[in-house]
């Protein structure tokens, strides 16, 4: 399937992605998964609005990384400086992507998703491990992961992409 054919498919709120020419579709996420995504999105957007940093968008929103690669992370942040990549879809790598890792795997493997995010220039990848209530932040530069930090339930989050964002994970996700 081409990007053009993918874009002609009927609109849906189910997660769907174009992975190297093959469309993958998954069931809707669980309620708990969506609660976490919403709470994180609200906290990040409140922070971004207060500092005029950019925009937070939640899935399903297509991130077109290549003509045969379209992904839908749970949440993305695009900085004001790079707002031109946001149109009806996002064309290019967001500054930050977040995946909420539920007990049931979503579309494809986490390893391949991480590889694409790094390869195409995402600056920061957040992985929220829902069962363990912990957040990993991978900092990327020059198409490589240069730092990985884990934040436990009460730890204050630190982000290079979202300066001065320091709430505790527990305070955000409940």
Protein backbone atom coordinates (compact mmCIF):
# COMPACT_ATOMS: atom_id res chain seq x y z
CA UNK A 1 0.00 0.00 0.00
CA UNK A 2 1.27 3.47 -0.80
CA UNK A 3 0.97 6.56 1.38
CA UNK A 4 -1.61 7.89 -1.07
CA UNK A 5 -3.70 4.68 -0.79
CA UNK A 6 -3.36 4.76 3.00
CA UNK A 7 -4.63 8.32 3.09
CA UNK A 8 -7.69 7.28 1.07
CA UNK A 9 -8.76 4.62 3.59
CA UNK A 10 -11.90 5.43 5.61
CA UNK A 11 -11.33 7.57 8.69
CA UNK A 12 -11.31 5.61 11.93
CA UNK A 13 -10.52 6.10 15.59
CA UNK A 14 -8.92 2.67 15.78
CA UNK A 15 -5.12 2.66 15.82
CA UNK A 16 -3.86 2.04 12.30
CA UNK A 17 -0.44 2.50 10.81
CA UNK A 18 1.34 2.05 7.49
CA UNK A 19 4.43 -0.04 8.11
CA UNK A 20 6.67 -0.41 5.08
CA UNK A 21 3.69 -0.59 2.75
CA UNK A 22 1.43 -2.76 4.92
CA UNK A 23 -1.48 -1.33 6.88
CA UNK A 24 -1.76 -2.60 10.46
CA UNK A 25 -4.89 -2.09 12.55
CA UNK A 26 -5.36 -2.74 16.27
CA UNK A 27 -8.25 -2.81 18.70
CA UNK A 28 -9.06 0.32 20.65
CA UNK A 29 -6.91 0.83 23.76
CA UNK A 30 -8.28 0.04 27.22
CA UNK A 31 -9.96 2.64 29.39
CA UNK A 32 -7.01 2.70 31.82
CA UNK A 33 -4.61 3.24 28.92
CA UNK A 34 -6.68 6.19 27.68
CA UNK A 35 -6.93 7.69 31.16
CA UNK A 36 -3.13 7.77 31.43
CA UNK A 37 -2.75 9.25 27.93
CA UNK A 38 -5.32 11.96 28.71
CA UNK A 39 -3.74 12.90 32.05
CA UNK A 40 -0.25 13.09 30.56
CA UNK A 41 -1.52 15.10 27.58
CA UNK A 42 -3.33 17.55 29.85
CA UNK A 43 -0.24 18.06 32.04
CA UNK A 44 2.08 18.49 29.05
CA UNK A 45 -0.24 20.87 27.20
CA UNK A 46 -0.81 22.99 30.32
CA UNK A 47 2.97 23.28 30.69
CA UNK A 48 3.47 24.03 26.97
CA UNK A 49 0.70 26.66 26.95
CA UNK A 50 2.11 28.47 29.97
CA UNK A 51 5.47 28.83 28.21
CA UNK A 52 4.28 29.04 24.58
CA UNK A 53 6.35 25.95 23.74
CA UNK A 54 4.16 24.13 21.23
CA UNK A 55 1.33 21.64 20.85
CA UNK A 56 0.43 18.24 22.28
CA UNK A 57 -1.65 15.85 20.16
CA UNK A 58 -3.02 12.45 21.10
CA UNK A 59 -3.70 9.36 18.99
CA UNK A 60 -5.06 8.69 16.59
CA UNK A 61 -2.99 11.18 14.62
CA UNK A 62 -0.81 10.10 11.70
CA UNK A 63 2.90 10.80 11.89
CA UNK A 64 4.28 10.45 8.36
CA UNK A 65 7.94 9.54 8.79
CA UNK A 66 8.45 8.26 5.25
CA UNK A 67 6.35 7.52 2.18
CA UNK A 68 5.76 3.97 3.42
CA UNK A 69 5.93 4.56 7.18
CA UNK A 70 3.08 6.18 9.12
CA UNK A 71 2.86 5.65 12.88
CA UNK A 72 0.45 6.72 15.60
CA UNK A 73 2.18 7.08 18.97
CA UNK A 74 -0.13 7.60 21.94
CA UNK A 75 0.93 11.23 22.35
CA UNK A 76 3.22 13.66 20.52
CA UNK A 77 4.60 17.11 21.21
CA UNK A 78 5.63 19.43 18.38
CA UNK A 79 7.51 22.57 19.37
CA UNK A 80 6.36 25.99 18.22
CA UNK A 81 9.59 26.29 16.22
CA UNK A 82 8.62 23.21 14.19
CA UNK A 83 4.86 23.85 13.94
CA UNK A 84 5.07 23.80 10.13
CA UNK A 85 5.21 19.97 10.18
CA UNK A 86 1.64 19.90 11.59
CA UNK A 87 -1.02 19.89 8.89
CA UNK A 88 -3.89 17.40 8.50
CA UNK A 89 -1.22 14.91 9.48
CA UNK A 90 2.22 15.45 10.98
CA UNK A 91 4.88 15.27 8.29
CA UNK A 92 8.19 14.56 10.00
CA UNK A 93 9.39 13.61 13.44
CA UNK A 94 7.72 15.27 16.43
CA UNK A 95 10.04 16.64 19.11
CA UNK A 96 8.65 14.17 21.66
CA UNK A 97 6.64 10.95 21.42
CA UNK A 98 5.07 9.05 24.28
CA UNK A 99 3.97 5.44 24.31
CA UNK A 100 1.90 4.02 27.16
CA UNK A 101 2.97 0.41 27.47
CA UNK A 102 0.03 -1.68 28.52
CA UNK A 103 0.17 -5.39 29.32
CA UNK A 104 -1.16 -6.12 25.81
CA UNK A 105 1.18 -5.12 22.99
CA UNK A 106 -0.06 -2.60 20.45
CA UNK A 107 0.72 -2.53 16.75
CA UNK A 108 4.14 -4.05 16.06
CA UNK A 109 7.07 -4.39 18.41
CA UNK A 110 8.37 -1.70 20.73
CA UNK A 111 11.92 -2.23 19.45
CA UNK A 112 10.99 -1.43 15.85
CA UNK A 113 9.00 1.64 16.95
CA UNK A 114 11.93 2.94 18.99
CA UNK A 115 14.28 2.35 16.07
CA UNK A 116 12.04 4.43 13.76
CA UNK A 117 11.62 7.25 16.27
CA UNK A 118 15.39 7.49 16.72
CA UNK A 119 16.20 7.07 13.01
CA UNK A 120 13.78 9.77 11.88
CA UNK A 121 14.85 12.37 14.44
CA UNK A 122 12.53 12.33 17.46
CA UNK A 123 14.42 14.21 20.19
CA UNK A 124 12.81 12.55 23.21
CA UNK A 125 10.89 9.29 23.65
CA UNK A 126 8.78 8.73 26.75
CA UNK A 127 7.82 5.16 27.65
CA UNK A 128 5.27 4.88 30.43
CA UNK A 129 5.25 1.34 31.82
CA UNK A 130 1.68 1.19 33.05
CA UNK A 131 1.82 -1.96 35.22
CA UNK A 132 5.01 -0.80 36.99
CA UNK A 133 4.00 2.88 37.13
CA UNK A 134 7.34 4.11 35.88
CA UNK A 135 8.46 6.39 33.10
CA UNK A 136 11.56 6.03 30.97
CA UNK A 137 12.79 9.00 28.97
CA UNK A 138 15.18 8.36 26.10
CA UNK A 139 17.05 11.41 24.86
CA UNK A 140 18.09 11.20 21.23
CA UNK A 141 20.69 13.14 19.25
CA UNK A 142 22.17 12.49 15.82
CA UNK A 143 19.94 9.44 15.33
CA UNK A 144 21.18 7.73 18.47
CA UNK A 145 19.93 7.33 22.05
CA UNK A 146 22.39 9.37 24.13
CA UNK A 147 20.69 9.11 27.54
CA UNK A 148 18.07 6.99 29.27
CA UNK A 149 16.55 7.95 32.61
CA UNK A 150 13.89 6.20 34.67
CA UNK A 151 11.40 8.05 36.86
CA UNK A 152 9.52 6.15 39.52
CA UNK A 153 6.11 7.03 40.95
CA UNK A 154 7.16 9.92 43.22
CA UNK A 155 10.15 11.17 41.23
CA UNK A 156 10.00 14.55 39.51
CA UNK A 157 10.21 14.29 35.74
CA UNK A 158 12.98 16.10 33.86
CA UNK A 159 12.75 16.71 30.12
CA UNK A 160 15.19 18.35 27.72
CA UNK A 161 12.36 19.02 25.25
CA UNK A 162 10.01 20.53 27.85
CA UNK A 163 12.18 22.72 30.09
CA UNK A 164 11.00 23.22 33.67
CA UNK A 165 8.47 20.37 33.44
CA UNK A 166 8.99 18.79 36.86
CA UNK A 167 5.80 17.31 38.30
CA UNK A 168 5.88 13.90 39.91
CA UNK A 169 4.60 11.00 37.85
CA UNK A 170 2.12 10.02 40.55
CA UNK A 171 0.65 13.51 40.61
CA UNK A 172 -0.04 13.34 36.86
CA UNK A 173 -1.24 9.80 36.32
CA UNK A 174 -3.12 9.37 39.60
